C-alpha cells in the first residue's frame, strides 16, 4: 500500500469546511488582545491563552524590537554551542527566583519542554506515571521515555486511589516520576497537587507539574499550581511555556540545580535545537517583569473569569467549575457544538470548539478563556451573544 494513501483518503476536514462549520486555522490579520480581526471582520476574542493580554503590551513589543536591533533575528545555534545570550541567562535566573526554585532551563518551545525533560530523566527500568488527561506534549514525552525502555503508566484522571494502586505495584528500587498538568488545558481543572505529593512521598516518587495554563493565572502573584496549594517547596519540578501568560514563544523547566544541570548536558531536545530567538527571550523577560510589578493583573483576570462563570451559570449553561482562566461550556452533541461555534463566529465571538477524539463522546464543548485586559463591555457582549445562540439551539 502507498504510504500516502491514508492522506488521500482523509476527507473529514474537507467535508466540515464544505458544511461551513470548520473552526480551525482561521487567519488573524490583527490582534489587539481582547479584539482581533479575522478575514476582515472584528471579533471579541474568547479563546486565547493570552491570559494577561501582554502580547499587545507596548513594553513587551518594544523589548522584542530592541532585542532584534541588538542581537539580530536568531541565535543560529543551540544553547550548548553558540546560541546562549545574556538574555537567556537573565531570564532563567529571574524565573527561578519568581517560581521559587534553584534553577531554570529554557527550551525553544513549550512542546519541547516535556519531551526534553521526561525522556531525559526517566530511563531504562524507571517509571513515568501520567494523569490520563495530561496534555499531548506530556504524553509524547512519556512515549519517548518508553522508547528508551522506561516504563510508562497512566492513572485515571484525578483518581488518587488509582495512582496509589499503580505505585504499590512498582518496585521500591525503581526511579519514579509522577507527571500532571497543573491546570488541565481542556477543562481548566486544577490538579489535586497536595494529594499527589502525599502519595509520591509515601512511595519515593518525584513530581513534575506542567504549569502552562497556571503561571500568571493562579497562585500568589500568578506563581502557579504549587503556589496555589502552598506546596512549592515539596514540588520537585515545575515546567511552563512562554506562549501564554509570557506573550512569547518557548518553554522552561524549574527545579533543583543538580537536576537542571543534568538536563542541560543530556537533553537532546535542548542540545540539538536552536536556542530561543532574541526577540522571544526579551519579550518573555519583559512580560515577567510586568507580572512581578503588576500582580493586580492576575486579580483582574480572576475577577473577569468569576464574572463570566456567574453569568453562564445563572443563564443555565452547563459549565465546568474550576479556578483557572478557562470556562468550558458543555454542549454534548458534536454536531450541535459545531453549529454553536459557527453561530458565535457569525456574530463576532471567537471561541474554541473541542470535539471527539479531543474530548470523550457526548462531551463536545466550547472552551472559552479570558484575559485581564477584557473590559466589562467585552464580557457582556460575549455573554449576550452566547445567550442568543443558547436559546436558538435549546442549550439553555
Protein backbone atom coordinates (compact mmCIF):
# COMPACT_ATOMS: atom_id res chain seq x y z
CA UNK A 1 0.00 0.00 0.00
CA UNK A 2 1.20 3.50 -0.82
CA UNK A 3 2.35 5.43 2.25
CA UNK A 4 0.33 8.46 1.11
CA UNK A 5 -2.96 6.58 0.62
CA UNK A 6 -4.21 7.47 4.10
CA UNK A 7 -3.61 11.13 3.28
CA UNK A 8 -5.68 10.92 0.09
CA UNK A 9 -8.49 9.16 1.96
CA UNK A 10 -8.59 11.73 4.78
CA UNK A 11 -11.53 13.94 3.76
CA UNK A 12 -13.22 14.75 7.09
CA UNK A 13 -11.77 18.27 7.26
CA UNK A 14 -12.88 18.96 3.67
CA UNK A 15 -16.41 17.82 4.49
CA UNK A 16 -16.61 20.07 7.55
CA UNK A 17 -15.27 23.01 5.52
CA UNK A 18 -17.89 22.39 2.84
CA UNK A 19 -20.59 22.47 5.50
CA UNK A 20 -19.25 25.85 6.69
CA UNK A 21 -18.52 24.53 10.20
CA UNK A 22 -14.72 24.34 10.15
CA UNK A 23 -13.45 26.06 13.34
CA UNK A 24 -9.68 25.76 12.78
CA UNK A 25 -6.83 27.63 11.06
CA UNK A 26 -8.68 30.95 10.72
CA UNK A 27 -6.18 33.68 9.92
CA UNK A 28 -5.76 36.56 12.37
CA UNK A 29 -4.97 39.75 10.50
CA UNK A 30 -4.59 41.98 13.56
CA UNK A 31 -4.54 41.30 17.29
CA UNK A 32 -5.26 43.91 19.93
CA UNK A 33 -5.76 41.35 22.72
CA UNK A 34 -9.47 41.23 23.55
CA UNK A 35 -10.28 42.27 19.98
CA UNK A 36 -8.90 40.59 16.87
CA UNK A 37 -9.56 40.86 13.16
CA UNK A 38 -10.22 37.72 11.12
CA UNK A 39 -10.98 37.76 7.40
CA UNK A 40 -11.64 41.48 7.55
CA UNK A 41 -14.06 41.30 10.47
CA UNK A 42 -13.86 42.36 14.11
CA UNK A 43 -14.15 39.64 16.77
CA UNK A 44 -14.20 39.60 20.54
CA UNK A 45 -11.55 37.00 21.38
CA UNK A 46 -12.76 34.49 23.96
CA UNK A 47 -10.47 31.64 23.01
CA UNK A 48 -6.93 32.88 23.51
CA UNK A 49 -4.33 31.80 26.07
CA UNK A 50 -3.05 35.39 26.20
CA UNK A 51 -4.16 35.46 29.84
CA UNK A 52 -2.72 38.82 30.90
CA UNK A 53 -3.14 40.41 27.47
CA UNK A 54 0.60 41.08 27.24
CA UNK A 55 1.03 40.22 23.54
CA UNK A 56 -0.27 43.71 22.81
CA UNK A 57 1.57 45.41 25.68
CA UNK A 58 3.82 48.25 24.38
CA UNK A 59 6.66 47.36 26.77
CA UNK A 60 6.70 43.73 25.65
CA UNK A 61 6.65 44.66 21.97
CA UNK A 62 9.39 47.23 22.43
CA UNK A 63 11.58 44.70 24.27
CA UNK A 64 11.32 42.35 21.31
CA UNK A 65 12.23 45.10 18.84
CA UNK A 66 15.25 46.20 20.85
CA UNK A 67 16.49 42.61 21.09
CA UNK A 68 16.39 42.27 17.31
CA UNK A 69 18.33 45.52 16.92
CA UNK A 70 21.00 44.33 19.37
CA UNK A 71 21.29 40.58 18.64
CA UNK A 72 19.69 40.07 15.24
CA UNK A 73 16.74 37.83 14.41
CA UNK A 74 18.13 34.47 15.55
CA UNK A 75 20.88 32.74 17.51
CA UNK A 76 21.98 30.39 14.70
CA UNK A 77 22.95 27.65 17.11
CA UNK A 78 21.98 25.63 20.17
CA UNK A 79 22.44 26.78 23.75
CA UNK A 80 25.11 24.09 24.00
CA UNK A 81 27.33 25.75 21.39
CA UNK A 82 26.91 29.29 20.03
CA UNK A 83 23.32 30.06 21.00
CA UNK A 84 23.47 31.30 24.59
CA UNK A 85 22.79 35.01 25.09
CA UNK A 86 22.93 37.02 28.27
CA UNK A 87 19.16 37.36 27.78
CA UNK A 88 18.73 33.60 28.21
CA UNK A 89 20.75 33.55 31.43
CA UNK A 90 18.92 36.58 32.81
CA UNK A 91 15.52 35.08 32.05
CA UNK A 92 16.48 31.76 33.65
CA UNK A 93 17.71 33.46 36.82
CA UNK A 94 14.64 35.70 37.16
CA UNK A 95 12.22 32.83 36.52
CA UNK A 96 13.94 30.64 39.12
CA UNK A 97 13.59 33.37 41.72
CA UNK A 98 9.98 34.11 40.74
CA UNK A 99 8.86 30.48 40.89
CA UNK A 100 10.92 29.65 43.97
CA UNK A 101 13.32 27.04 42.58
CA UNK A 102 17.11 26.85 42.47
CA UNK A 103 17.48 26.91 38.69
CA UNK A 104 15.65 27.10 35.37
CA UNK A 105 16.46 25.84 31.89
CA UNK A 106 14.88 27.31 28.75
CA UNK A 107 13.64 25.29 25.79
CA UNK A 108 12.82 26.71 22.37
CA UNK A 109 9.13 25.73 22.51
CA UNK A 110 6.69 24.76 25.21
CA UNK A 111 6.04 21.45 23.43
CA UNK A 112 9.74 20.57 23.56
CA UNK A 113 9.94 21.08 27.31
CA UNK A 114 8.20 17.87 28.49
CA UNK A 115 9.74 15.92 25.62
CA UNK A 116 13.23 17.04 26.57
CA UNK A 117 12.68 16.71 30.31
CA UNK A 118 10.75 13.46 30.72
CA UNK A 119 12.63 11.43 28.11
CA UNK A 120 15.98 12.52 29.58
CA UNK A 121 15.15 11.96 33.25
CA UNK A 122 13.21 8.67 33.02
CA UNK A 123 15.42 5.92 31.65
CA UNK A 124 15.59 2.14 31.30
CA UNK A 125 13.94 0.37 34.24
CA UNK A 126 12.44 3.60 35.63
CA UNK A 127 8.78 4.62 35.62
CA UNK A 128 6.82 7.68 34.49
CA UNK A 129 3.24 7.82 35.78
CA UNK A 130 0.98 10.29 33.98
CA UNK A 131 -2.59 11.54 34.52
CA UNK A 132 -4.76 10.28 31.64
CA UNK A 133 -5.88 13.81 30.75
CA UNK A 134 -2.39 15.33 30.57
CA UNK A 135 -1.51 17.43 27.54
CA UNK A 136 -0.34 15.67 24.35
CA UNK A 137 3.18 17.04 24.80
CA UNK A 138 3.45 15.24 28.16
CA UNK A 139 2.10 12.01 26.65
CA UNK A 140 4.64 12.22 23.84
CA UNK A 141 7.44 12.89 26.33
CA UNK A 142 6.37 9.75 28.18
CA UNK A 143 6.26 7.79 24.90
CA UNK A 144 9.80 8.93 24.12
CA UNK A 145 10.90 7.68 27.54
CA UNK A 146 9.16 4.38 26.80
CA UNK A 147 11.06 4.20 23.51
CA UNK A 148 14.21 4.37 25.62
CA UNK A 149 12.94 1.33 27.55
CA UNK A 150 11.43 3.19 30.52
CA UNK A 151 8.01 2.12 31.79
CA UNK A 152 5.03 4.39 31.00
CA UNK A 153 1.84 4.04 33.06
CA UNK A 154 -1.25 6.25 33.12
CA UNK A 155 -3.58 6.73 36.08
CA UNK A 156 -7.26 7.63 35.88
CA UNK A 157 -7.81 11.37 35.80
CA UNK A 158 -7.61 12.92 39.27
CA UNK A 159 -8.02 9.46 40.81
CA UNK A 160 -5.71 9.24 43.79
CA UNK A 161 -6.73 5.68 44.62
CA UNK A 162 -5.73 4.53 41.14
CA UNK A 163 -2.44 6.44 41.39
CA UNK A 164 -1.62 4.75 44.68
CA UNK A 165 -2.56 1.30 43.36
CA UNK A 166 -0.14 1.81 40.45
CA UNK A 167 2.68 2.92 42.74
CA UNK A 168 2.13 -0.08 45.01
CA UNK A 169 2.95 -2.37 42.09
CA UNK A 170 6.20 -0.61 41.17
CA UNK A 171 9.40 -1.94 42.80
CA UNK A 172 10.72 0.26 45.58
CA UNK A 173 14.14 0.23 43.93
CA UNK A 174 12.88 1.79 40.67
CA UNK A 175 13.03 5.51 39.97
CA UNK A 176 9.56 7.03 39.64
CA UNK A 177 8.27 10.32 38.19
CA UNK A 178 4.62 11.38 38.52
CA UNK A 179 3.59 13.96 35.90
CA UNK A 180 0.45 16.07 35.98
CA UNK A 181 -0.91 19.20 34.39
CA UNK A 182 -1.30 21.92 36.99
CA UNK A 183 -4.30 23.33 35.15
CA UNK A 184 -5.78 20.91 32.63
CA UNK A 185 -5.99 22.64 29.27
CA UNK A 186 -9.41 21.34 28.18
CA UNK A 187 -11.45 21.52 31.38
CA UNK A 188 -9.49 24.17 33.29
CA UNK A 189 -9.50 21.97 36.41
CA UNK A 190 -6.70 22.45 38.94
CA UNK A 191 -4.78 19.29 39.85
CA UNK A 192 -5.06 17.99 43.42
CA UNK A 193 -1.37 18.55 43.98
CA UNK A 194 -1.30 18.09 47.77
CA UNK A 195 -2.81 14.61 47.43
CA UNK A 196 -0.41 13.70 44.61
CA UNK A 197 2.55 14.85 46.68
CA UNK A 198 1.41 12.89 49.74
CA UNK A 199 1.23 9.69 47.69
CA UNK A 200 4.51 10.47 45.91
CA UNK A 201 6.39 10.91 49.20
CA UNK A 202 4.89 7.67 50.54
CA UNK A 203 6.31 5.69 47.61
CA UNK A 204 9.52 7.59 46.93
CA UNK A 205 8.40 9.21 43.69
CA UNK A 206 9.30 12.61 42.27
CA UNK A 207 6.63 15.01 40.94
CA UNK A 208 6.64 17.16 37.80
CA UNK A 209 3.87 19.75 37.32
CA UNK A 210 3.12 21.41 33.99
CA UNK A 211 2.04 24.99 34.73
CA UNK A 212 1.46 26.08 31.12
CA UNK A 213 -2.08 27.27 31.98
CA UNK A 214 -1.35 28.14 35.62
CA UNK A 215 1.53 30.65 35.62
CA UNK A 216 0.08 34.15 35.65
CA UNK A 217 -3.36 32.74 36.44
CA UNK A 218 -3.40 31.12 39.89
CA UNK A 219 -1.19 31.17 42.96
CA UNK A 220 0.41 34.09 44.76
CA UNK A 221 1.11 36.76 42.16
CA UNK A 222 0.45 34.18 39.43
CA UNK A 223 3.15 31.74 40.56
CA UNK A 224 1.15 28.69 39.55
CA UNK A 225 -0.28 25.49 40.93
CA UNK A 226 2.24 24.71 43.67
CA UNK A 227 1.89 28.27 44.98
CA UNK A 228 -1.91 28.00 44.81
CA UNK A 229 -1.75 24.98 47.11
CA UNK A 230 1.18 26.28 49.19
CA UNK A 231 3.43 23.33 48.30
CA UNK A 232 6.18 24.89 46.17
CA UNK A 233 8.96 23.54 48.40
CA UNK A 234 7.59 19.99 48.09
CA UNK A 235 7.08 20.09 44.31
CA UNK A 236 10.19 18.73 42.62
CA UNK A 237 9.89 20.15 39.11
CA UNK A 238 7.72 22.84 37.52
CA UNK A 239 7.55 23.45 33.80
CA UNK A 240 5.78 26.06 31.75
CA UNK A 241 5.56 27.87 28.47
CA UNK A 242 6.11 31.42 27.24
CA UNK A 243 3.30 31.24 24.66
CA UNK A 244 0.53 32.10 27.10
CA UNK A 245 0.99 34.48 30.05
CA UNK A 246 4.50 35.43 28.89
CA UNK A 247 3.33 36.59 25.44
CA UNK A 248 6.14 34.94 23.51
CA UNK A 249 7.38 31.52 22.42
CA UNK A 250 9.43 28.93 24.30
CA UNK A 251 9.31 26.83 27.45
CA UNK A 252 11.13 26.22 30.73
CA UNK A 253 11.75 23.64 33.42
CA UNK A 254 12.44 24.74 37.01
CA UNK A 255 13.87 22.62 39.81
CA UNK A 256 16.97 21.69 41.82
CA UNK A 257 20.23 23.00 40.34
CA UNK A 258 21.72 19.49 40.04
CA UNK A 259 18.70 18.27 38.04
CA UNK A 260 18.70 21.31 35.76
CA UNK A 261 22.44 20.91 35.23
CA UNK A 262 21.90 17.26 34.24
CA UNK A 263 19.20 18.21 31.71
CA UNK A 264 21.38 20.99 30.37
CA UNK A 265 24.10 18.50 29.44
CA UNK A 266 21.99 15.47 28.49
CA UNK A 267 18.68 16.53 26.90
CA UNK A 268 18.72 16.04 23.10
CA UNK A 269 15.76 18.42 22.74
CA UNK A 270 17.99 21.18 24.13
CA UNK A 271 21.36 20.18 22.69
CA UNK A 272 20.13 19.66 19.14
CA UNK A 273 17.72 22.61 18.86
CA UNK A 274 18.45 26.23 18.08
CA UNK A 275 18.02 28.37 21.17
CA UNK A 276 15.08 30.74 21.73
CA UNK A 277 15.32 33.78 19.46
CA UNK A 278 16.45 37.10 20.97
CA UNK A 279 13.01 38.64 20.49
CA UNK A 280 11.29 35.65 22.13
CA UNK A 281 13.55 35.73 25.17
CA UNK A 282 13.40 39.51 25.57
CA UNK A 283 9.61 39.60 25.23
CA UNK A 284 9.16 36.84 27.81
CA UNK A 285 11.59 38.60 30.16
CA UNK A 286 9.67 41.87 29.92
CA UNK A 287 6.36 40.04 30.43
CA UNK A 288 7.81 38.51 33.61
CA UNK A 289 8.92 41.97 34.77
CA UNK A 290 5.37 43.27 34.26
CA UNK A 291 3.86 40.31 36.10
CA UNK A 292 6.14 40.97 39.09
CA UNK A 293 5.43 44.72 39.05
CA UNK A 294 1.67 44.42 38.47
CA UNK A 295 0.26 41.40 40.34
CA UNK A 296 -3.11 43.16 40.15
CA UNK A 297 -3.31 41.88 36.55
CA UNK A 298 -3.80 38.38 37.97
CA UNK A 299 -6.61 39.61 40.20
CA UNK A 300 -8.26 41.39 37.27
CA UNK A 301 -8.11 38.15 35.28
CA UNK A 302 -9.71 36.24 38.15
CA UNK A 303 -12.42 38.89 38.50
CA UNK A 304 -13.23 38.61 34.79
CA UNK A 305 -13.42 34.82 34.91
CA UNK A 306 -15.63 34.80 38.03
CA UNK A 307 -17.94 37.31 36.35
CA UNK A 308 -18.35 35.09 33.29
CA UNK A 309 -18.82 31.91 35.32
CA UNK A 310 -21.58 33.60 37.29
CA UNK A 311 -23.36 34.79 34.14
CA UNK A 312 -23.15 31.41 32.41
CA UNK A 313 -24.45 29.56 35.50
CA UNK A 314 -27.31 31.99 36.05
CA UNK A 315 -28.35 31.62 32.40
CA UNK A 316 -28.45 27.83 32.69
CA UNK A 317 -25.39 26.88 30.64
CA UNK A 318 -23.62 23.67 31.60
CA UNK A 319 -20.09 24.70 32.57
CA UNK A 320 -17.17 23.03 34.34
CA UNK A 321 -16.35 24.70 37.64
CA UNK A 322 -12.67 25.49 38.23
CA UNK A 323 -10.32 28.22 39.46
CA UNK A 324 -8.46 28.86 36.21
CA UNK A 325 -8.97 31.25 33.30
CA UNK A 326 -10.75 28.54 31.27
CA UNK A 327 -14.56 28.26 31.29
CA UNK A 328 -15.71 25.25 29.24
CA UNK A 329 -19.33 25.36 28.08
CA UNK A 330 -20.51 21.76 27.63
CA UNK A 331 -22.71 21.20 24.58
CA UNK A 332 -22.62 17.40 24.46
CA UNK A 333 -23.51 16.55 20.88
CA UNK A 334 -20.64 17.14 18.42
CA UNK A 335 -22.78 18.49 15.57
CA UNK A 336 -24.59 20.89 17.89
CA UNK A 337 -21.25 22.11 19.25
CA UNK A 338 -20.05 22.83 15.71
CA UNK A 339 -23.27 24.67 14.88
CA UNK A 340 -22.99 26.70 18.10
CA UNK A 341 -19.39 27.58 17.25
CA UNK A 342 -20.46 28.77 13.80
CA UNK A 343 -23.32 30.90 15.14
CA UNK A 344 -20.97 32.57 17.64
CA UNK A 345 -18.42 33.12 14.87
CA UNK A 346 -21.02 34.69 12.58
CA UNK A 347 -21.95 37.13 15.37
CA UNK A 348 -18.35 38.13 16.07
CA UNK A 349 -17.26 35.98 19.04
CA UNK A 350 -14.33 33.61 18.66
CA UNK A 351 -14.14 30.55 20.92
CA UNK A 352 -12.57 27.10 20.60
CA UNK A 353 -14.61 24.04 19.63
CA UNK A 354 -13.44 20.83 21.32
CA UNK A 355 -14.93 17.64 19.86
CA UNK A 356 -14.02 13.91 19.93
CA UNK A 357 -11.41 12.48 19.95
CA UNK A 358 -10.07 15.54 21.81
CA UNK A 359 -12.84 15.06 24.39
CA UNK A 360 -14.92 11.99 25.37
CA UNK A 361 -18.07 11.14 23.34
CA UNK A 362 -21.04 13.37 24.21
CA UNK A 363 -18.72 15.86 25.91
CA UNK A 364 -18.21 18.25 22.99
CA UNK A 365 -17.72 21.75 24.31
CA UNK A 366 -16.96 25.35 23.52
CA UNK A 367 -13.90 26.25 25.54
CA UNK A 368 -13.88 29.91 26.47
CA UNK A 369 -10.90 31.61 28.09
CA UNK A 370 -10.35 35.13 29.34
CA UNK A 371 -7.77 37.87 29.75
CA UNK A 372 -7.10 40.52 32.35
CA UNK A 373 -7.49 43.07 29.53
CA UNK A 374 -11.09 42.13 28.74
CA UNK A 375 -13.28 45.08 29.67
CA UNK A 376 -16.79 44.65 31.04
CA UNK A 377 -18.25 45.64 27.68
CA UNK A 378 -16.30 42.83 26.00
CA UNK A 379 -17.53 40.29 28.53
CA UNK A 380 -21.12 41.49 28.30
CA UNK A 381 -21.01 41.25 24.51
CA UNK A 382 -19.68 37.69 24.70
CA UNK A 383 -22.42 36.71 27.11
CA UNK A 384 -25.20 38.43 25.15
CA UNK A 385 -24.27 36.52 22.00
CA UNK A 386 -23.88 33.24 23.89
CA UNK A 387 -27.39 33.73 25.28
CA UNK A 388 -28.82 34.32 21.81
CA UNK A 389 -27.15 31.20 20.45
CA UNK A 390 -28.09 29.19 23.54
CA UNK A 391 -31.77 29.96 23.06
CA UNK A 392 -31.66 29.27 19.32
CA UNK A 393 -30.13 25.82 19.86
CA UNK A 394 -32.03 24.96 23.07
CA UNK A 395 -28.85 24.89 25.12
CA UNK A 396 -30.44 26.85 27.99
